[in-house]
Amino acid sequence: MPSEHIADLKKWVAELVRQSAGGEFVGLNRVVDLISKTFKVQAHEVAILTITADDRFLRFVVPEKLQQVGQIPLTSTNSLAARTVREKRPEVINHFAVVPHSSVFEAVPIVQEERGEPIQKIMSVAIAHDRKVVGVLQISRKGKTASEAGPDFTHAQLRELKTVADVIAPCVPLFSLAHV
């Protein structure tokens, strides 16, 4: 990630934490914008999920349209996000469309499409704060086909995503409180 993006992201995270008393996270859109530009994806291809207060489920913070769709049990065997939490291991999958997974969230139209396009490629990293996993950050490339979705993700990009997760970690617990 270019250093100016990291610096901007750190500033926005500090501002989010500072303003958290009001419970408004307008700055979250700026965070998502910086992340999407860094990885050359659409904003709706950035997902931030938080662990519920009872430590049993993951809930979407962004994309916003997925907040009301449901939660992902951390025990799910078909969820990359749940596996990322359990194993605390970053992962890149450039053939995600053929990997068995629950596609309920992909079916939700996020933009002007009738049905959500399938995720073809994805990166997933755990977000840890105070030595505890508090959520998951995922970047995907969607499209009807793998080639239409864009280039494969690289391991260098996965390392960058881990850096981004570390930068946003201080404000992720605040997202959970704001989106209960």
C-alpha atoms as a PDB file:
ATOM      1  CA  MET A   1       0.000   0.000   0.000  1.00  0.00           C
ATOM      2  CA  PRO A   2       1.491   3.365  -0.900  1.00  0.00           C
ATOM      3  CA  SER A   3       2.672   5.187   2.211  1.00  0.00           C
ATOM      4  CA  GLU A   4       0.373   8.166   1.578  1.00  0.00           C
ATOM      5  CA  HIS A   5      -2.654   5.819   1.697  1.00  0.00           C
ATOM      6  CA  ILE A   6      -1.454   4.299   4.980  1.00  0.00           C
ATOM      7  CA  ALA A   7      -0.913   7.785   6.405  1.00  0.00           C
ATOM      8  CA  ASP A   8      -4.405   8.869   5.275  1.00  0.00           C
ATOM      9  CA  LEU A   9      -5.930   5.696   6.667  1.00  0.00           C
ATOM     10  CA  LYS A  10      -4.196   6.203  10.032  1.00  0.00           C
ATOM     11  CA  LYS A  11      -5.550   9.774  10.176  1.00  0.00           C
ATOM     12  CA  TRP A  12      -9.096   8.630   9.440  1.00  0.00           C
ATOM     13  CA  VAL A  13      -8.934   5.827  11.996  1.00  0.00           C
ATOM     14  CA  ALA A  14      -7.690   8.272  14.638  1.00  0.00           C
ATOM     15  CA  GLU A  15     -10.565  10.611  13.749  1.00  0.00           C
ATOM     16  CA  LEU A  16     -13.097   7.775  13.938  1.00  0.00           C
ATOM     17  CA  VAL A  17     -11.853   6.767  17.363  1.00  0.00           C
ATOM     18  CA  ARG A  18     -11.899  10.414  18.502  1.00  0.00           C
ATOM     19  CA  GLN A  19     -15.472  10.940  17.310  1.00  0.00           C
ATOM     20  CA  SER A  20     -16.780   7.605  18.556  1.00  0.00           C
ATOM     21  CA  ALA A  21     -18.591   9.175  21.498  1.00  0.00           C
ATOM     22  CA  GLY A  22     -21.247  10.429  19.073  1.00  0.00           C
ATOM     23  CA  GLY A  23     -21.814   6.976  17.588  1.00  0.00           C
ATOM     24  CA  GLU A  24     -21.668   8.353  14.030  1.00  0.00           C
ATOM     25  CA  PHE A  25     -19.209   6.758  11.656  1.00  0.00           C
ATOM     26  CA  VAL A  26     -19.413   8.994   8.611  1.00  0.00           C
ATOM     27  CA  GLY A  27     -15.639   8.571   8.283  1.00  0.00           C
ATOM     28  CA  LEU A  28     -16.115   4.862   7.677  1.00  0.00           C
ATOM     29  CA  ASN A  29     -17.034   5.659   4.069  1.00  0.00           C
ATOM     30  CA  ARG A  30     -13.648   7.378   3.654  1.00  0.00           C
ATOM     31  CA  VAL A  31     -11.873   4.332   5.108  1.00  0.00           C
ATOM     32  CA  VAL A  32     -13.667   2.031   2.647  1.00  0.00           C
ATOM     33  CA  ASP A  33     -12.880   4.442  -0.197  1.00  0.00           C
ATOM     34  CA  LEU A  34      -9.151   4.424   0.628  1.00  0.00           C
ATOM     35  CA  ILE A  35      -9.100   0.634   0.891  1.00  0.00           C
ATOM     36  CA  SER A  36     -10.979   0.144  -2.399  1.00  0.00           C
ATOM     37  CA  LYS A  37      -8.655   2.532  -4.257  1.00  0.00           C
ATOM     38  CA  THR A  38      -5.598   0.806  -2.853  1.00  0.00           C
ATOM     39  CA  PHE A  39      -6.695  -2.602  -4.135  1.00  0.00           C
ATOM     40  CA  LYS A  40      -8.388  -1.269  -7.297  1.00  0.00           C
ATOM     41  CA  VAL A  41     -11.801  -2.703  -6.424  1.00  0.00           C
ATOM     42  CA  GLN A  42     -15.272  -1.193  -6.091  1.00  0.00           C
ATOM     43  CA  ALA A  43     -16.299   0.031  -2.625  1.00  0.00           C
ATOM     44  CA  HIS A  44     -18.931  -2.734  -2.447  1.00  0.00           C
ATOM     45  CA  GLU A  45     -16.120  -5.292  -2.848  1.00  0.00           C
ATOM     46  CA  VAL A  46     -14.690  -4.265   0.546  1.00  0.00           C
ATOM     47  CA  ALA A  47     -16.230  -6.113   3.485  1.00  0.00           C
ATOM     48  CA  ILE A  48     -15.686  -5.489   7.172  1.00  0.00           C
ATOM     49  CA  LEU A  49     -17.310  -7.916   9.570  1.00  0.00           C
ATOM     50  CA  THR A  50     -17.299  -7.741  13.368  1.00  0.00           C
ATOM     51  CA  ILE A  51     -17.739 -10.444  15.962  1.00  0.00           C
ATOM     52  CA  THR A  52     -20.949 -10.136  17.968  1.00  0.00           C
ATOM     53  CA  ALA A  53     -20.827  -9.403  21.708  1.00  0.00           C
ATOM     54  CA  ASP A  54     -21.546 -13.049  22.532  1.00  0.00           C
ATOM     55  CA  ASP A  55     -18.560 -14.193  20.377  1.00  0.00           C
ATOM     56  CA  ARG A  56     -20.791 -16.529  18.355  1.00  0.00           C
ATOM     57  CA  PHE A  57     -21.391 -14.738  15.052  1.00  0.00           C
ATOM     58  CA  LEU A  58     -19.908 -12.400  12.470  1.00  0.00           C
ATOM     59  CA  ARG A  59     -21.988  -9.424  11.360  1.00  0.00           C
ATOM     60  CA  PHE A  60     -21.353  -7.170   8.344  1.00  0.00           C
ATOM     61  CA  VAL A  61     -20.497  -3.536   8.967  1.00  0.00           C
ATOM     62  CA  VAL A  62     -19.844  -2.881   5.272  1.00  0.00           C
ATOM     63  CA  PRO A  63     -21.265  -3.264   2.696  1.00  0.00           C
ATOM     64  CA  GLU A  64     -24.107  -1.569   4.544  1.00  0.00           C
ATOM     65  CA  LYS A  65     -26.811  -3.455   2.606  1.00  0.00           C
ATOM     66  CA  LEU A  66     -25.584  -6.721   4.135  1.00  0.00           C
ATOM     67  CA  GLN A  67     -26.056  -5.571   7.744  1.00  0.00           C
ATOM     68  CA  GLN A  68     -29.679  -6.718   7.848  1.00  0.00           C
ATOM     69  CA  VAL A  69     -29.291  -9.894   5.789  1.00  0.00           C
ATOM     70  CA  GLY A  70     -28.100 -12.090   8.626  1.00  0.00           C
ATOM     71  CA  GLN A  71     -25.127 -13.241  10.610  1.00  0.00           C
ATOM     72  CA  ILE A  72     -22.482 -15.882  10.020  1.00  0.00           C
ATOM     73  CA  PRO A  73     -21.986 -18.438  12.803  1.00  0.00           C
ATOM     74  CA  LEU A  74     -18.321 -18.694  13.772  1.00  0.00           C
ATOM     75  CA  THR A  75     -18.810 -22.475  13.691  1.00  0.00           C
ATOM     76  CA  SER A  76     -19.738 -22.404   9.988  1.00  0.00           C
ATOM     77  CA  THR A  77     -17.647 -24.812   7.950  1.00  0.00           C
ATOM     78  CA  ASN A  78     -18.596 -23.150   4.644  1.00  0.00           C
ATOM     79  CA  SER A  79     -17.614 -19.593   5.552  1.00  0.00           C
ATOM     80  CA  LEU A  80     -14.214 -18.166   4.674  1.00  0.00           C
ATOM     81  CA  ALA A  81     -14.791 -15.322   7.149  1.00  0.00           C
ATOM     82  CA  ALA A  82     -15.520 -17.727  10.015  1.00  0.00           C
ATOM     83  CA  ARG A  83     -12.473 -19.835   9.109  1.00  0.00           C
ATOM     84  CA  THR A  84     -10.346 -16.666   9.045  1.00  0.00           C
ATOM     85  CA  VAL A  85     -11.424 -15.909  12.634  1.00  0.00           C
ATOM     86  CA  ARG A  86     -10.882 -19.468  13.865  1.00  0.00           C
ATOM     87  CA  GLU A  87      -7.501 -19.992  12.216  1.00  0.00           C
ATOM     88  CA  LYS A  88      -6.272 -16.360  12.395  1.00  0.00           C
ATOM     89  CA  ARG A  89      -4.599 -16.993   9.041  1.00  0.00           C
ATOM     90  CA  PRO A  90      -4.723 -14.607   6.068  1.00  0.00           C
ATOM     91  CA  GLU A  91      -5.890 -16.264   2.882  1.00  0.00           C
ATOM     92  CA  VAL A  92      -6.140 -15.461  -0.823  1.00  0.00           C
ATOM     93  CA  ILE A  93      -8.366 -17.535  -3.128  1.00  0.00           C
ATOM     94  CA  ASN A  94      -8.324 -16.673  -6.827  1.00  0.00           C
ATOM     95  CA  HIS A  95     -10.824 -19.391  -7.748  1.00  0.00           C
ATOM     96  CA  PHE A  96     -13.463 -18.661  -5.087  1.00  0.00           C
ATOM     97  CA  ALA A  97     -16.456 -19.264  -7.366  1.00  0.00           C
ATOM     98  CA  VAL A  98     -15.645 -23.000  -7.471  1.00  0.00           C
ATOM     99  CA  VAL A  99     -14.914 -23.320  -3.728  1.00  0.00           C
ATOM    100  CA  PRO A 100     -17.882 -24.613  -1.729  1.00  0.00           C
ATOM    101  CA  HIS A 101     -19.306 -21.689   0.257  1.00  0.00           C
ATOM    102  CA  SER A 102     -22.593 -20.158   1.267  1.00  0.00           C
ATOM    103  CA  SER A 103     -23.590 -17.686  -1.419  1.00  0.00           C
ATOM    104  CA  VAL A 104     -26.540 -16.079   0.380  1.00  0.00           C
ATOM    105  CA  PHE A 105     -24.711 -12.760   0.777  1.00  0.00           C
ATOM    106  CA  GLU A 106     -23.594 -12.745  -2.862  1.00  0.00           C
ATOM    107  CA  ALA A 107     -27.240 -12.940  -3.947  1.00  0.00           C
ATOM    108  CA  VAL A 108     -28.006  -9.561  -2.365  1.00  0.00           C
ATOM    109  CA  PRO A 109     -27.880  -6.737  -4.916  1.00  0.00           C
ATOM    110  CA  ILE A 110     -25.424  -4.167  -3.602  1.00  0.00           C
ATOM    111  CA  VAL A 111     -25.421  -1.820  -6.581  1.00  0.00           C
ATOM    112  CA  GLN A 112     -27.801  -1.470  -9.517  1.00  0.00           C
ATOM    113  CA  GLU A 113     -27.665  -5.131 -10.453  1.00  0.00           C
ATOM    114  CA  GLU A 114     -30.705  -7.404 -10.206  1.00  0.00           C
ATOM    115  CA  ARG A 115     -28.814 -10.068  -8.304  1.00  0.00           C
ATOM    116  CA  GLY A 116     -25.419  -9.824  -6.699  1.00  0.00           C
ATOM    117  CA  GLU A 117     -22.590 -10.969  -8.935  1.00  0.00           C
ATOM    118  CA  PRO A 118     -20.595 -13.945  -7.686  1.00  0.00           C
ATOM    119  CA  ILE A 119     -17.302 -13.428  -5.928  1.00  0.00           C
ATOM    120  CA  GLN A 120     -14.596 -14.809  -8.179  1.00  0.00           C
ATOM    121  CA  LYS A 121     -11.502 -13.830  -6.164  1.00  0.00           C
ATOM    122  CA  ILE A 122     -11.116 -12.935  -2.501  1.00  0.00           C
ATOM    123  CA  MET A 123      -8.598 -12.069   0.214  1.00  0.00           C
ATOM    124  CA  SER A 124      -9.480 -12.459   3.880  1.00  0.00           C
ATOM    125  CA  VAL A 125      -7.597 -11.385   7.026  1.00  0.00           C
ATOM    126  CA  ALA A 126      -8.465 -11.346  10.704  1.00  0.00           C
ATOM    127  CA  ILE A 127      -8.616  -7.995  12.482  1.00  0.00           C
ATOM    128  CA  ALA A 128      -7.080  -8.168  15.940  1.00  0.00           C
ATOM    129  CA  HIS A 129      -7.289  -5.510  18.653  1.00  0.00           C
ATOM    130  CA  ASP A 130      -5.641  -5.884  22.051  1.00  0.00           C
ATOM    131  CA  ARG A 131      -4.535  -9.401  21.036  1.00  0.00           C
ATOM    132  CA  LYS A 132      -8.107 -10.522  20.385  1.00  0.00           C
ATOM    133  CA  VAL A 133      -9.709 -11.142  16.992  1.00  0.00           C
ATOM    134  CA  VAL A 134     -12.560  -8.636  16.678  1.00  0.00           C
ATOM    135  CA  GLY A 135     -13.450  -9.008  13.024  1.00  0.00           C
ATOM    136  CA  VAL A 136     -12.519  -9.793   9.445  1.00  0.00           C
ATOM    137  CA  LEU A 137     -11.482  -7.615   6.508  1.00  0.00           C
ATOM    138  CA  GLN A 138     -12.137  -9.020   3.038  1.00  0.00           C
ATOM    139  CA  ILE A 139     -11.482  -7.702  -0.451  1.00  0.00           C
ATOM    140  CA  SER A 140     -13.193  -9.417  -3.359  1.00  0.00           C
ATOM    141  CA  ARG A 141     -13.424  -9.170  -7.101  1.00  0.00           C
ATOM    142  CA  LYS A 142     -16.880  -9.914  -8.446  1.00  0.00           C
ATOM    143  CA  GLY A 143     -17.997 -10.759 -11.955  1.00  0.00           C
ATOM    144  CA  LYS A 144     -19.809 -13.266 -14.093  1.00  0.00           C
ATOM    145  CA  THR A 145     -16.479 -14.962 -14.846  1.00  0.00           C
ATOM    146  CA  ALA A 146     -13.017 -14.971 -13.280  1.00  0.00           C
ATOM    147  CA  SER A 147     -11.540 -13.034 -16.194  1.00  0.00           C
ATOM    148  CA  GLU A 148     -14.347 -10.446 -16.052  1.00  0.00           C
ATOM    149  CA  ALA A 149     -13.665  -9.958 -12.326  1.00  0.00           C
ATOM    150  CA  GLY A 150     -10.136  -8.698 -12.944  1.00  0.00           C
ATOM    151  CA  PRO A 151      -6.600  -9.740 -12.084  1.00  0.00           C
ATOM    152  CA  ASP A 152      -5.713 -12.336  -9.488  1.00  0.00           C
ATOM    153  CA  PHE A 153      -4.802 -11.144  -6.015  1.00  0.00           C
ATOM    154  CA  THR A 154      -1.151 -11.591  -5.048  1.00  0.00           C
ATOM    155  CA  HIS A 155       0.508 -12.590  -1.802  1.00  0.00           C
ATOM    156  CA  ALA A 156       2.056  -9.102  -1.666  1.00  0.00           C
ATOM    157  CA  GLN A 157      -1.483  -7.668  -1.719  1.00  0.00           C
ATOM    158  CA  LEU A 158      -2.476 -10.084   1.047  1.00  0.00           C
ATOM    159  CA  ARG A 159       0.393  -8.717   3.177  1.00  0.00           C
ATOM    160  CA  GLU A 160      -0.839  -5.172   2.400  1.00  0.00           C
ATOM    161  CA  LEU A 161      -4.339  -6.178   3.480  1.00  0.00           C
ATOM    162  CA  LYS A 162      -2.960  -7.446   6.783  1.00  0.00           C
ATOM    163  CA  THR A 163      -1.276  -4.051   7.291  1.00  0.00           C
ATOM    164  CA  VAL A 164      -4.587  -2.326   6.563  1.00  0.00           C
ATOM    165  CA  ALA A 165      -6.372  -4.604   9.055  1.00  0.00           C
ATOM    166  CA  ASP A 166      -3.810  -3.666  11.712  1.00  0.00           C
ATOM    167  CA  VAL A 167      -4.345   0.046  10.973  1.00  0.00           C
ATOM    168  CA  ILE A 168      -8.153  -0.093  11.215  1.00  0.00           C
ATOM    169  CA  ALA A 169      -8.201  -2.464  14.219  1.00  0.00           C
ATOM    170  CA  PRO A 170      -8.600   0.268  16.897  1.00  0.00           C
ATOM    171  CA  CYS A 171     -11.923   1.424  15.464  1.00  0.00           C
ATOM    172  CA  VAL A 172     -13.448  -1.978  14.652  1.00  0.00           C
ATOM    173  CA  PRO A 173     -14.853  -2.538  18.178  1.00  0.00           C
ATOM    174  CA  LEU A 174     -16.575   0.843  17.788  1.00  0.00           C
ATOM    175  CA  PHE A 175     -18.269  -0.335  14.582  1.00  0.00           C
ATOM    176  CA  SER A 176     -19.826  -3.187  16.555  1.00  0.00           C
ATOM    177  CA  LEU A 177     -21.332  -0.785  19.063  1.00  0.00           C
ATOM    178  CA  ALA A 178     -22.683   1.539  16.384  1.00  0.00           C
ATOM    179  CA  HIS A 179     -24.346  -1.176  14.314  1.00  0.00           C
ATOM    180  CA  VAL A 180     -26.115  -3.221  16.969  1.00  0.00           C
END
